[in-house]
PDB file of N, CA and C in Angstrom:
ATOM      1  N   MET A   1      -8.388  -1.444  -4.498  1.00  0.00           N
ATOM      2  CA  MET A   1      -7.022  -1.013  -4.651  1.00  0.00           C
ATOM      3  C   MET A   1      -6.401  -0.725  -3.271  1.00  0.00           C
ATOM      4  N   LEU A   2      -7.183  -0.110  -2.396  1.00  0.00           N
ATOM      5  CA  LEU A   2      -6.681   0.185  -1.055  1.00  0.00           C
ATOM      6  C   LEU A   2      -6.384  -1.097  -0.286  1.00  0.00           C
ATOM      7  N   LEU A   3      -7.263  -2.072  -0.418  1.00  0.00           N
ATOM      8  CA  LEU A   3      -7.040  -3.352   0.261  1.00  0.00           C
ATOM      9  C   LEU A   3      -5.770  -4.020  -0.267  1.00  0.00           C
ATOM     10  N   GLY A   4      -5.549  -3.977  -1.557  1.00  0.00           N
ATOM     11  CA  GLY A   4      -4.336  -4.548  -2.143  1.00  0.00           C
ATOM     12  C   GLY A   4      -3.088  -3.837  -1.660  1.00  0.00           C
ATOM     13  N   LEU A   5      -3.166  -2.524  -1.526  1.00  0.00           N
ATOM     14  CA  LEU A   5      -2.030  -1.754  -1.025  1.00  0.00           C
ATOM     15  C   LEU A   5      -1.712  -2.131   0.422  1.00  0.00           C
ATOM     16  N   LEU A   6      -2.733  -2.330   1.240  1.00  0.00           N
ATOM     17  CA  LEU A   6      -2.523  -2.748   2.621  1.00  0.00           C
ATOM     18  C   LEU A   6      -1.894  -4.133   2.697  1.00  0.00           C
ATOM     19  N   ILE A   7      -2.342  -5.040   1.851  1.00  0.00           N
ATOM     20  CA  ILE A   7      -1.803  -6.400   1.854  1.00  0.00           C
ATOM     21  C   ILE A   7      -0.343  -6.407   1.403  1.00  0.00           C
ATOM     22  N   VAL A   8      -0.035  -5.670   0.363  1.00  0.00           N
ATOM     23  CA  VAL A   8       1.345  -5.619  -0.136  1.00  0.00           C
ATOM     24  C   VAL A   8       2.267  -4.961   0.888  1.00  0.00           C
ATOM     25  N   SER A   9       1.814  -3.878   1.520  1.00  0.00           N
ATOM     26  CA  SER A   9       2.675  -3.231   2.525  1.00  0.00           C
ATOM     27  C   SER A   9       2.868  -4.137   3.737  1.00  0.00           C
ATOM     28  N   GLY A  10       1.865  -4.895   4.118  1.00  0.00           N
ATOM     29  CA  GLY A  10       2.017  -5.863   5.204  1.00  0.00           C
ATOM     30  C   GLY A  10       2.996  -6.963   4.852  1.00  0.00           C
ATOM     31  N   ALA A  11       2.952  -7.406   3.616  1.00  0.00           N
ATOM     32  CA  ALA A  11       3.894  -8.435   3.169  1.00  0.00           C
ATOM     33  C   ALA A  11       5.321  -7.897   3.159  1.00  0.00           C
ATOM     34  N   TRP A  12       5.504  -6.663   2.746  1.00  0.00           N
ATOM     35  CA  TRP A  12       6.839  -6.072   2.750  1.00  0.00           C
ATOM     36  C   TRP A  12       7.365  -5.928   4.172  1.00  0.00           C
ATOM     37  N   LEU A  13       6.504  -5.516   5.088  1.00  0.00           N
ATOM     38  CA  LEU A  13       6.936  -5.366   6.480  1.00  0.00           C
ATOM     39  C   LEU A  13       7.229  -6.705   7.141  1.00  0.00           C
ATOM     40  N   ALA A  14       6.621  -7.766   6.666  1.00  0.00           N
ATOM     41  CA  ALA A  14       6.860  -9.091   7.238  1.00  0.00           C
ATOM     42  C   ALA A  14       8.114  -9.745   6.669  1.00  0.00           C
ATOM     43  N   GLY A  15       8.680  -9.160   5.654  1.00  0.00           N
ATOM     44  CA  GLY A  15       9.834  -9.762   4.982  1.00  0.00           C
ATOM     45  C   GLY A  15      11.138  -9.570   5.724  1.00  0.00           C
ATOM     46  N   PRO A  16      12.224 -10.146   5.171  1.00  0.00           N
ATOM     47  CA  PRO A  16      13.529 -10.109   5.831  1.00  0.00           C
ATOM     48  C   PRO A  16      14.393  -8.894   5.472  1.00  0.00           C
ATOM     49  N   ALA A  17      13.852  -7.936   4.750  1.00  0.00           N
ATOM     50  CA  ALA A  17      14.659  -6.777   4.349  1.00  0.00           C
ATOM     51  C   ALA A  17      15.110  -5.985   5.574  1.00  0.00           C
ATOM     52  N   ARG A  18      16.246  -5.313   5.446  1.00  0.00           N
ATOM     53  CA  ARG A  18      16.787  -4.559   6.581  1.00  0.00           C
ATOM     54  C   ARG A  18      15.828  -3.488   7.069  1.00  0.00           C
ATOM     55  N   TRP A  19      15.220  -2.759   6.133  1.00  0.00           N
ATOM     56  CA  TRP A  19      14.312  -1.692   6.546  1.00  0.00           C
ATOM     57  C   TRP A  19      13.068  -2.255   7.220  1.00  0.00           C
ATOM     58  N   ALA A  20      12.620  -3.457   6.825  1.00  0.00           N
ATOM     59  CA  ALA A  20      11.458  -4.083   7.462  1.00  0.00           C
ATOM     60  C   ALA A  20      11.796  -4.503   8.893  1.00  0.00           C
ATOM     61  N   VAL A  21      12.977  -5.070   9.072  1.00  0.00           N
ATOM     62  CA  VAL A  21      13.422  -5.461  10.418  1.00  0.00           C
ATOM     63  C   VAL A  21      13.572  -4.224  11.295  1.00  0.00           C
ATOM     64  N   ALA A  22      14.129  -3.151  10.738  1.00  0.00           N
ATOM     65  CA  ALA A  22      14.297  -1.911  11.497  1.00  0.00           C
ATOM     66  C   ALA A  22      12.934  -1.328  11.884  1.00  0.00           C
ATOM     67  N   ALA A  23      11.977  -1.378  10.978  1.00  0.00           N
ATOM     68  CA  ALA A  23      10.637  -0.864  11.283  1.00  0.00           C
ATOM     69  C   ALA A  23       9.969  -1.683  12.382  1.00  0.00           C
ATOM     70  N   ARG A  24      10.131  -3.006  12.330  1.00  0.00           N
ATOM     71  CA  ARG A  24       9.545  -3.855  13.377  1.00  0.00           C
ATOM     72  C   ARG A  24      10.227  -3.623  14.715  1.00  0.00           C
ATOM     73  N   ARG A  25      11.555  -3.451  14.707  1.00  0.00           N
ATOM     74  CA  ARG A  25      12.281  -3.164  15.955  1.00  0.00           C
ATOM     75  C   ARG A  25      11.864  -1.833  16.555  1.00  0.00           C
ATOM     76  N   PHE A  26      11.612  -0.851  15.712  1.00  0.00           N
ATOM     77  CA  PHE A  26      11.191   0.462  16.172  1.00  0.00           C
ATOM     78  C   PHE A  26       9.780   0.410  16.749  1.00  0.00           C
ATOM     79  N   ALA A  27       8.882  -0.344  16.124  1.00  0.00           N
ATOM     80  CA  ALA A  27       7.479  -0.377  16.533  1.00  0.00           C
ATOM     81  C   ALA A  27       7.212  -1.309  17.709  1.00  0.00           C
ATOM     82  N   ALA A  28       8.040  -2.303  17.919  1.00  0.00           N
ATOM     83  CA  ALA A  28       7.776  -3.326  18.937  1.00  0.00           C
ATOM     84  C   ALA A  28       7.615  -2.764  20.343  1.00  0.00           C
ATOM     85  N   PRO A  29       8.513  -1.916  20.844  1.00  0.00           N
ATOM     86  CA  PRO A  29       8.323  -1.426  22.215  1.00  0.00           C
ATOM     87  C   PRO A  29       7.049  -0.598  22.389  1.00  0.00           C
ATOM     88  N   VAL A  30       6.722   0.181  21.377  1.00  0.00           N
ATOM     89  CA  VAL A  30       5.515   1.009  21.452  1.00  0.00           C
ATOM     90  C   VAL A  30       4.275   0.124  21.456  1.00  0.00           C
ATOM     91  N   LEU A  31       4.234  -0.858  20.568  1.00  0.00           N
ATOM     92  CA  LEU A  31       3.076  -1.751  20.497  1.00  0.00           C
ATOM     93  C   LEU A  31       2.958  -2.604  21.754  1.00  0.00           C
ATOM     94  N   ARG A  32       4.086  -3.027  22.319  1.00  0.00           N
ATOM     95  CA  ARG A  32       4.077  -3.820  23.540  1.00  0.00           C
ATOM     96  C   ARG A  32       3.626  -2.978  24.726  1.00  0.00           C
ATOM     97  N   GLY A  33       4.028  -1.727  24.773  1.00  0.00           N
ATOM     98  CA  GLY A  33       3.695  -0.848  25.882  1.00  0.00           C
ATOM     99  C   GLY A  33       2.245  -0.412  25.918  1.00  0.00           C
ATOM    100  N   HIS A  34       1.597  -0.426  24.773  1.00  0.00           N
ATOM    101  CA  HIS A  34       0.203   0.011  24.676  1.00  0.00           C
ATOM    102  C   HIS A  34      -0.658  -1.098  24.071  1.00  0.00           C
ATOM    103  N   ALA A  35      -0.545  -2.273  24.626  1.00  0.00           N
ATOM    104  CA  ALA A  35      -1.235  -3.441  24.062  1.00  0.00           C
ATOM    105  C   ALA A  35      -2.748  -3.268  24.046  1.00  0.00           C
ATOM    106  N   GLY A  36      -3.310  -2.662  25.073  1.00  0.00           N
ATOM    107  CA  GLY A  36      -4.757  -2.459  25.119  1.00  0.00           C
ATOM    108  C   GLY A  36      -5.243  -1.554  24.002  1.00  0.00           C
ATOM    109  N   LEU A  37      -4.524  -0.478  23.750  1.00  0.00           N
ATOM    110  CA  LEU A  37      -4.892   0.432  22.669  1.00  0.00           C
ATOM    111  C   LEU A  37      -4.720  -0.225  21.297  1.00  0.00           C
ATOM    112  N   VAL A  38      -3.690  -1.027  21.167  1.00  0.00           N
ATOM    113  CA  VAL A  38      -3.463  -1.721  19.901  1.00  0.00           C
ATOM    114  C   VAL A  38      -4.601  -2.689  19.615  1.00  0.00           C
ATOM    115  N   ARG A  39      -5.029  -3.435  20.634  1.00  0.00           N
ATOM    116  CA  ARG A  39      -6.133  -4.381  20.436  1.00  0.00           C
ATOM    117  C   ARG A  39      -7.448  -3.652  20.188  1.00  0.00           C
ATOM    118  N   ALA A  40      -7.671  -2.531  20.842  1.00  0.00           N
ATOM    119  CA  ALA A  40      -8.885  -1.738  20.590  1.00  0.00           C
ATOM    120  C   ALA A  40      -8.885  -1.207  19.153  1.00  0.00           C
ATOM    121  N   GLY A  41      -7.734  -0.720  18.709  1.00  0.00           N
ATOM    122  CA  GLY A  41      -7.634  -0.254  17.327  1.00  0.00           C
ATOM    123  C   GLY A  41      -7.846  -1.378  16.327  1.00  0.00           C
ATOM    124  N   LEU A  42      -7.325  -2.551  16.650  1.00  0.00           N
ATOM    125  CA  LEU A  42      -7.530  -3.716  15.794  1.00  0.00           C
ATOM    126  C   LEU A  42      -9.010  -4.083  15.724  1.00  0.00           C
ATOM    127  N   GLY A  43      -9.697  -4.004  16.863  1.00  0.00           N
ATOM    128  CA  GLY A  43     -11.134  -4.273  16.882  1.00  0.00           C
ATOM    129  C   GLY A  43     -11.907  -3.287  16.022  1.00  0.00           C
ATOM    130  N   VAL A  44     -11.520  -2.019  16.072  1.00  0.00           N
ATOM    131  CA  VAL A  44     -12.167  -1.004  15.235  1.00  0.00           C
ATOM    132  C   VAL A  44     -11.905  -1.285  13.762  1.00  0.00           C
ATOM    133  N   LEU A  45     -10.680  -1.670  13.429  1.00  0.00           N
ATOM    134  CA  LEU A  45     -10.367  -1.987  12.027  1.00  0.00           C
ATOM    135  C   LEU A  45     -11.162  -3.198  11.528  1.00  0.00           C
ATOM    136  N   ILE A  46     -11.339  -4.199  12.378  1.00  0.00           N
ATOM    137  CA  ILE A  46     -12.134  -5.365  11.977  1.00  0.00           C
ATOM    138  C   ILE A  46     -13.591  -4.973  11.804  1.00  0.00           C
ATOM    139  N   LEU A  47     -14.105  -4.120  12.690  1.00  0.00           N
ATOM    140  CA  LEU A  47     -15.475  -3.638  12.549  1.00  0.00           C
ATOM    141  C   LEU A  47     -15.653  -2.861  11.247  1.00  0.00           C
ATOM    142  N   LEU A  48     -14.689  -2.021  10.908  1.00  0.00           N
ATOM    143  CA  LEU A  48     -14.747  -1.305   9.630  1.00  0.00           C
ATOM    144  C   LEU A  48     -14.690  -2.260   8.443  1.00  0.00           C
ATOM    145  N   LEU A  49     -13.901  -3.324   8.567  1.00  0.00           N
ATOM    146  CA  LEU A  49     -13.834  -4.333   7.514  1.00  0.00           C
ATOM    147  C   LEU A  49     -15.202  -4.987   7.309  1.00  0.00           C
ATOM    148  N   VAL A  50     -15.881  -5.292   8.405  1.00  0.00           N
ATOM    149  CA  VAL A  50     -17.211  -5.912   8.305  1.00  0.00           C
ATOM    150  C   VAL A  50     -18.211  -4.936   7.697  1.00  0.00           C
ATOM    151  N   LEU A  51     -18.174  -3.680   8.121  1.00  0.00           N
ATOM    152  CA  LEU A  51     -19.114  -2.689   7.596  1.00  0.00           C
ATOM    153  C   LEU A  51     -18.854  -2.379   6.130  1.00  0.00           C
ATOM    154  N   TRP A  52     -17.585  -2.320   5.748  1.00  0.00           N
ATOM    155  CA  TRP A  52     -17.223  -2.007   4.368  1.00  0.00           C
ATOM    156  C   TRP A  52     -17.488  -3.192   3.462  1.00  0.00           C
ATOM    157  N   GLY A  53     -17.091  -4.388   3.876  1.00  0.00           N
ATOM    158  CA  GLY A  53     -17.311  -5.605   3.113  1.00  0.00           C
ATOM    159  C   GLY A  53     -16.611  -5.654   1.772  1.00  0.00           C
ATOM    160  N   PRO A  54     -15.291  -5.382   1.707  1.00  0.00           N
ATOM    161  CA  PRO A  54     -14.612  -5.362   0.417  1.00  0.00           C
ATOM    162  C   PRO A  54     -14.435  -6.748  -0.212  1.00  0.00           C
ATOM    163  N   VAL A  55     -14.453  -7.771   0.608  1.00  0.00           N
ATOM    164  CA  VAL A  55     -14.332  -9.139   0.106  1.00  0.00           C
ATOM    165  C   VAL A  55     -15.531  -9.941   0.608  1.00  0.00           C
ATOM    166  N   PRO A  56     -15.964 -10.945  -0.133  1.00  0.00           N
ATOM    167  CA  PRO A  56     -17.195 -11.655   0.232  1.00  0.00           C
ATOM    168  C   PRO A  56     -17.187 -12.297   1.618  1.00  0.00           C
ATOM    169  N   TRP A  57     -16.040 -12.801   2.083  1.00  0.00           N
ATOM    170  CA  TRP A  57     -16.031 -13.481   3.374  1.00  0.00           C
ATOM    171  C   TRP A  57     -16.172 -12.516   4.540  1.00  0.00           C
ATOM    172  N   SER A  58     -15.941 -11.227   4.331  1.00  0.00           N
ATOM    173  CA  SER A  58     -15.981 -10.272   5.439  1.00  0.00           C
ATOM    174  C   SER A  58     -17.402  -9.921   5.878  1.00  0.00           C
ATOM    175  N   THR A  59     -18.401 -10.368   5.149  1.00  0.00           N
ATOM    176  CA  THR A  59     -19.785 -10.104   5.552  1.00  0.00           C
ATOM    177  C   THR A  59     -20.475 -11.350   6.090  1.00  0.00           C
ATOM    178  N   LYS A  60     -19.774 -12.466   6.130  1.00  0.00           N
ATOM    179  CA  LYS A  60     -20.345 -13.719   6.644  1.00  0.00           C
ATOM    180  C   LYS A  60     -19.876 -13.931   8.080  1.00  0.00           C
ATOM    181  N   THR A  61     -20.742 -14.501   8.896  1.00  0.00           N
ATOM    182  CA  THR A  61     -20.494 -14.604  10.323  1.00  0.00           C
ATOM    183  C   THR A  61     -19.339 -15.532  10.674  1.00  0.00           C
ATOM    184  N   ILE A  62     -19.370 -16.757  10.204  1.00  0.00           N
ATOM    185  CA  ILE A  62     -18.356 -17.750  10.588  1.00  0.00           C
ATOM    186  C   ILE A  62     -16.948 -17.328  10.146  1.00  0.00           C
ATOM    187  N   PRO A  63     -16.746 -16.928   8.891  1.00  0.00           N
ATOM    188  CA  PRO A  63     -15.386 -16.529   8.502  1.00  0.00           C
ATOM    189  C   PRO A  63     -14.866 -15.315   9.265  1.00  0.00           C
ATOM    190  N   ILE A  64     -15.715 -14.326   9.533  1.00  0.00           N
ATOM    191  CA  ILE A  64     -15.229 -13.146  10.237  1.00  0.00           C
ATOM    192  C   ILE A  64     -14.940 -13.473  11.694  1.00  0.00           C
ATOM    193  N   LEU A  65     -15.704 -14.382  12.296  1.00  0.00           N
ATOM    194  CA  LEU A  65     -15.399 -14.816  13.664  1.00  0.00           C
ATOM    195  C   LEU A  65     -14.074 -15.575  13.713  1.00  0.00           C
ATOM    196  N   ALA A  66     -13.851 -16.454  12.748  1.00  0.00           N
ATOM    197  CA  ALA A  66     -12.595 -17.194  12.700  1.00  0.00           C
ATOM    198  C   ALA A  66     -11.417 -16.231  12.481  1.00  0.00           C
ATOM    199  N   PHE A  67     -11.598 -15.265  11.613  1.00  0.00           N
ATOM    200  CA  PHE A  67     -10.558 -14.268  11.356  1.00  0.00           C
ATOM    201  C   PHE A  67     -10.267 -13.447  12.610  1.00  0.00           C
ATOM    202  N   THR A  68     -11.308 -13.006  13.290  1.00  0.00           N
ATOM    203  CA  THR A  68     -11.152 -12.195  14.494  1.00  0.00           C
ATOM    204  C   THR A  68     -10.439 -12.961  15.595  1.00  0.00           C
ATOM    205  N   VAL A  69     -10.852 -14.206  15.807  1.00  0.00           N
ATOM    206  CA  VAL A  69     -10.206 -15.019  16.841  1.00  0.00           C
ATOM    207  C   VAL A  69      -8.736 -15.256  16.496  1.00  0.00           C
ATOM    208  N   SER A  70      -8.452 -15.578  15.240  1.00  0.00           N
ATOM    209  CA  SER A  70      -7.066 -15.846  14.861  1.00  0.00           C
ATOM    210  C   SER A  70      -6.202 -14.597  14.977  1.00  0.00           C
ATOM    211  N   VAL A  71      -6.752 -13.431  14.679  1.00  0.00           N
ATOM    212  CA  VAL A  71      -5.984 -12.191  14.783  1.00  0.00           C
ATOM    213  C   VAL A  71      -5.706 -11.845  16.240  1.00  0.00           C
ATOM    214  N   PHE A  72      -6.702 -11.988  17.103  1.00  0.00           N
ATOM    215  CA  PHE A  72      -6.495 -11.613  18.498  1.00  0.00           C
ATOM    216  C   PHE A  72      -5.661 -12.642  19.255  1.00  0.00           C
ATOM    217  N   VAL A  73      -5.726 -13.901  18.869  1.00  0.00           N
ATOM    218  CA  VAL A  73      -4.904 -14.922  19.526  1.00  0.00           C
ATOM    219  C   VAL A  73      -3.462 -14.798  19.053  1.00  0.00           C
ATOM    220  N   GLY A  74      -3.289 -14.578  17.762  1.00  0.00           N
ATOM    221  CA  GLY A  74      -1.944 -14.479  17.197  1.00  0.00           C
ATOM    222  C   GLY A  74      -1.306 -13.202  17.552  1.00  0.00           C
TER     223      GLY A  74
END
């Protein structure tokens, strides 16, 4: 349920709604200014995803490596 809530909230924030655009505009300078901390936090979240293993692909090596590379490159 928690994973579904995270996915739905991410989809809402990625949408074209005014409040989503305002939230992205508000967060952009902070995230840009602290890029190293953001990437470190992202690494911790991916590590927690691997340890928790809520979905089958998160415990397999190749899919999690592909996911990690795509997240850090994107």
